[in-house]
Protein backbone atom coordinates (compact mmCIF):
# COMPACT_ATOMS: atom_id res chain seq x y z
CA MET A 1 43.25 -27.56 0.57
CA THR A 2 40.23 -26.87 2.71
CA THR A 3 37.49 -24.49 1.60
CA TRP A 4 38.22 -21.84 4.24
CA LYS A 5 41.90 -21.74 3.26
CA ARG A 6 40.93 -21.17 -0.36
CA ARG A 7 38.63 -18.35 0.69
CA VAL A 8 41.48 -16.68 2.58
CA ILE A 9 44.50 -17.41 0.37
CA PHE A 10 43.01 -16.63 -3.04
CA PRO A 11 41.84 -13.09 -2.16
CA VAL A 12 45.16 -12.37 -0.45
CA VAL A 13 47.12 -13.56 -3.50
CA ALA A 14 44.84 -11.55 -5.80
CA ILE A 15 45.38 -8.39 -3.71
CA VAL A 16 49.16 -8.87 -3.64
CA VAL A 17 49.32 -9.46 -7.41
CA ALA A 18 47.11 -6.43 -8.11
CA THR A 19 49.19 -4.24 -5.78
CA VAL A 20 52.52 -5.34 -7.26
CA THR A 21 51.18 -4.83 -10.78
CA ALA A 22 49.88 -1.34 -9.95
CA VAL A 23 53.11 -0.31 -8.22
CA GLY A 24 55.16 -1.71 -11.10
CA ALA A 25 53.06 0.21 -13.63
CA LEU A 26 53.45 3.46 -11.66
CA PHE A 27 57.19 2.89 -11.35
CA ALA A 28 57.48 2.31 -15.12
CA ILE A 29 55.52 5.52 -15.81
CA ASP A 30 57.70 7.43 -13.36
CA LEU A 31 60.90 6.20 -15.02
CA TYR A 32 59.49 7.17 -18.42
CA LEU A 33 58.66 10.69 -17.20
CA HIS A 34 62.13 11.02 -15.65
CA HIS A 35 63.69 9.97 -18.95
CA ARG A 36 61.66 12.58 -20.83
CA ALA A 37 62.21 15.42 -18.38
CA GLU A 38 65.56 15.00 -16.65
CA ARG A 39 67.64 16.55 -19.43
CA SER A 40 65.23 19.42 -20.08
CA ALA A 41 63.09 20.85 -17.28
CA GLY A 42 62.97 18.14 -14.64
CA LEU A 43 64.97 16.15 -12.12
CA ASN A 44 66.74 12.83 -12.48
CA VAL A 45 65.81 9.75 -10.46
CA TRP A 46 68.01 10.85 -7.52
CA GLY A 47 66.25 14.21 -7.24
CA TYR A 48 68.80 16.65 -8.66
CA ARG A 49 69.08 18.40 -12.00
CA GLY A 50 71.11 17.15 -14.94
CA PRO A 51 72.68 13.76 -15.76
CA ARG A 52 73.33 11.35 -12.91
CA VAL A 53 76.92 11.52 -11.70
CA ASN A 54 79.20 8.78 -10.44
CA ARG A 55 79.17 8.70 -6.66
CA ARG A 56 82.90 9.19 -6.58
CA ILE A 57 85.80 8.69 -8.93
CA SER A 58 88.89 10.87 -9.17
CA LEU A 59 86.92 14.10 -9.41
CA ALA A 60 86.94 17.53 -7.86
CA ARG A 61 83.29 17.50 -6.80
CA VAL A 62 81.37 20.78 -6.40
CA VAL A 63 77.72 20.91 -5.27
CA VAL A 64 75.58 24.03 -5.65
CA LEU A 65 72.56 24.65 -3.40
CA GLY A 66 69.87 27.30 -3.76
CA GLY A 67 66.47 28.09 -5.21
CA SER A 68 65.20 28.58 -8.74
CA THR A 69 68.25 30.62 -9.82
CA VAL A 70 70.46 27.61 -9.11
CA PHE A 71 67.91 25.14 -10.46
CA GLY A 72 67.64 27.17 -13.66
CA TYR A 73 63.86 27.39 -13.75
CA GLY A 74 62.72 28.10 -17.31
CA VAL A 75 65.92 26.89 -19.00
CA THR A 76 67.35 23.46 -19.79
CA TRP A 77 69.68 21.79 -17.30
CA ASP A 78 72.80 22.61 -19.34
CA GLU A 79 71.88 26.31 -19.40
CA ALA A 80 71.59 26.55 -15.61
CA PHE A 81 74.54 28.20 -13.92
CA PRO A 82 75.95 25.04 -12.21
CA ALA A 83 76.36 23.45 -15.66
CA GLN A 84 77.94 26.64 -16.97
CA LEU A 85 80.23 26.69 -13.93
CA GLN A 86 81.39 23.17 -14.75
CA LYS A 87 82.27 24.19 -18.31
CA ARG A 88 84.33 27.11 -17.06
CA LEU A 89 86.08 25.04 -14.42
CA GLU A 90 86.92 22.39 -17.01
CA ARG A 91 88.83 25.02 -18.98
CA LEU A 92 90.93 25.79 -15.89
CA GLY A 93 91.15 22.31 -14.40
CA ASP A 94 93.60 19.44 -14.48
CA ALA A 95 92.84 16.79 -17.10
CA ASN A 96 93.85 14.11 -14.56
CA LYS A 97 91.29 15.36 -12.04
CA PRO A 98 88.28 16.86 -13.85
CA PHE A 99 85.59 18.89 -12.14
CA SER A 100 82.10 17.59 -11.50
CA VAL A 101 79.48 20.21 -10.58
CA VAL A 102 76.14 18.91 -9.27
CA ASN A 103 73.02 21.09 -9.31
CA LEU A 104 71.16 20.50 -6.01
CA GLY A 105 68.95 23.58 -6.35
CA TYR A 106 65.19 23.35 -5.91
CA ASN A 107 62.56 25.98 -6.76
CA ASN A 108 61.33 28.15 -3.85
CA GLU A 109 63.69 26.63 -1.26
CA GLY A 110 65.61 28.88 1.11
CA ALA A 111 68.63 28.57 3.36
CA TYR A 112 66.71 26.41 5.84
CA ALA A 113 66.83 23.52 3.35
CA PHE A 114 70.62 23.57 2.98
CA ARG A 115 71.39 21.32 5.95
CA PHE A 116 68.83 18.71 4.88
CA THR A 117 70.03 18.75 1.28
CA LEU A 118 73.65 18.30 2.33
CA GLU A 119 72.66 15.37 4.54
CA ASP A 120 70.58 13.79 1.75
CA TYR A 121 73.49 13.98 -0.69
CA GLU A 122 76.33 13.33 1.69
CA TYR A 123 77.24 10.29 -0.42
CA LEU A 124 78.45 12.66 -3.19
CA ARG A 125 81.28 13.69 -0.83
CA PRO A 126 81.74 17.22 -2.21
CA ASP A 127 85.06 19.02 -2.06
CA VAL A 128 83.38 22.42 -2.42
CA VAL A 129 79.86 23.52 -1.42
CA VAL A 130 78.40 26.66 -3.03
CA LEU A 131 75.42 28.25 -1.22
CA TYR A 132 73.46 30.69 -3.38
CA GLU A 133 70.34 32.07 -1.71
CA GLY A 134 68.60 35.17 -0.48
CA TYR A 135 65.49 36.02 -2.47
CA ASN A 136 63.39 33.08 -1.28
CA ASP A 137 64.11 34.04 2.33
CA LEU A 138 62.86 37.60 1.78
CA LEU A 139 59.38 36.69 0.51
CA GLY A 140 56.35 37.19 2.72
CA PRO A 141 56.09 38.82 6.16
CA PRO A 142 59.36 39.01 8.16
CA ALA A 143 57.96 36.68 10.83
CA VAL A 144 57.26 33.91 8.29
CA LEU A 145 60.33 31.77 7.71
CA ASN A 146 60.83 29.65 4.60
CA HIS A 147 60.96 26.11 6.00
CA SER A 148 60.43 24.40 2.65
CA VAL A 149 62.33 21.15 2.04
CA TYR A 150 60.46 19.94 -1.02
CA ARG A 151 62.29 16.67 -1.56
CA HIS A 152 61.25 15.60 1.93
CA THR A 153 57.59 15.68 0.94
CA SER A 154 58.32 12.31 -0.70
CA PRO A 155 58.54 9.41 1.80
CA LEU A 156 60.14 7.33 -0.97
CA PHE A 157 62.97 9.84 -1.36
CA ARG A 158 63.51 10.05 2.40
CA THR A 159 63.82 6.27 2.72
CA THR A 160 65.54 5.24 -0.53
CA GLY A 161 66.95 8.36 -2.21
CA TYR A 162 64.80 7.73 -5.30
CA PHE A 163 62.80 10.84 -6.20
CA PRO A 164 59.45 10.09 -7.89
CA ILE A 165 58.53 12.73 -10.45
CA LEU A 166 54.91 11.68 -11.02
CA PRO A 167 53.55 13.51 -7.91
CA LEU A 168 55.41 16.66 -8.98
CA VAL A 169 53.83 16.47 -12.44
CA PHE A 170 50.35 16.20 -10.90
CA ARG A 171 51.00 19.06 -8.47
CA GLU A 172 52.34 21.41 -11.14
CA LYS A 173 49.34 20.71 -13.37
CA ALA A 174 47.03 21.44 -10.42
CA MET A 175 48.96 24.63 -9.57
CA ALA A 176 48.75 25.82 -13.18
CA LEU A 177 44.99 25.17 -13.27
CA THR A 178 44.40 27.38 -10.22
CA HIS A 179 46.54 30.17 -11.71
CA GLY A 180 45.00 30.48 -15.14
CA GLY A 181 47.43 28.04 -16.73
CA ASP A 182 50.46 30.11 -15.64
CA LEU A 183 52.87 27.90 -13.70
CA ASN A 184 55.27 30.82 -13.18
CA ALA A 185 52.54 32.72 -11.34
CA ALA A 186 51.74 29.58 -9.36
CA TYR A 187 55.30 29.29 -8.10
CA ALA A 188 55.48 33.03 -7.42
CA SER A 189 52.52 32.88 -5.01
CA GLU A 190 52.12 29.20 -4.27
CA GLN A 191 49.38 29.50 -1.70
CA LYS A 192 47.42 32.33 -3.37
CA THR A 193 44.85 31.88 -6.12
CA VAL A 194 45.34 34.77 -8.53
CA PHE A 195 42.00 34.39 -10.29
CA ARG A 196 38.70 32.72 -9.52
CA PRO A 197 38.80 29.33 -11.28
CA GLY A 198 35.60 27.76 -12.53
CA LEU A 199 34.07 24.73 -10.90
CA ALA A 200 35.53 22.34 -13.50
CA ALA A 201 39.05 23.72 -12.97
CA ARG A 202 38.67 23.50 -9.17
CA VAL A 203 37.45 19.91 -9.36
CA LYS A 204 40.25 18.91 -11.75
CA SER A 205 42.85 20.67 -9.61
CA GLY A 206 41.57 18.91 -6.48
CA ALA A 207 41.66 15.56 -8.22
CA LEU A 208 45.25 16.11 -9.38
CA ASN A 209 46.35 17.15 -5.90
CA ALA A 210 44.67 14.08 -4.43
CA ALA A 211 46.44 11.87 -6.98
CA ALA A 212 49.77 13.52 -6.16
CA SER A 213 49.23 12.93 -2.44
CA LEU A 214 48.32 9.30 -3.06
């Protein structure tokens, strides 16, 4: 091998190996965080709340869309109302065709997000769609519409359906820092700082937001 080829190939190989290693490490961390959070306060790898469901068996599939009330913000996944709905339907249902209720809610989303969410999860082929919304569309001035589709902020989700949780962890930590450690207040007024954070908190918050964006 000639000298110039070595000078070109070796750096390229080193960059590829370093990139693959870094991406693999981030993916492993993301899977770990999903495993820790998906049954408590977070989302599973496909971006919805609760255990992952089979794409389709012999089920009566119900999907529920909405904001934090559907998501069950502040409670575990099995305390959210879609999980409670499934338990009640199971008492009334046919043992040969059980119900499967999927929680597709997402904090702060309004009715605008419904179409996108239904398209994203079309593969679940629901028999019944429950739309539960209102409050998130009444916040702010009347002329300001809620166009939030939070899952679509992830290019990885839009292209593969896999929802990375690591950026969300960074963002929520940054939001809490700029709201005195109160994540509830951060979600209540996402774009408004409710106290004047110190320089250290502002720097840390900016760093976390930059990491989330990256």
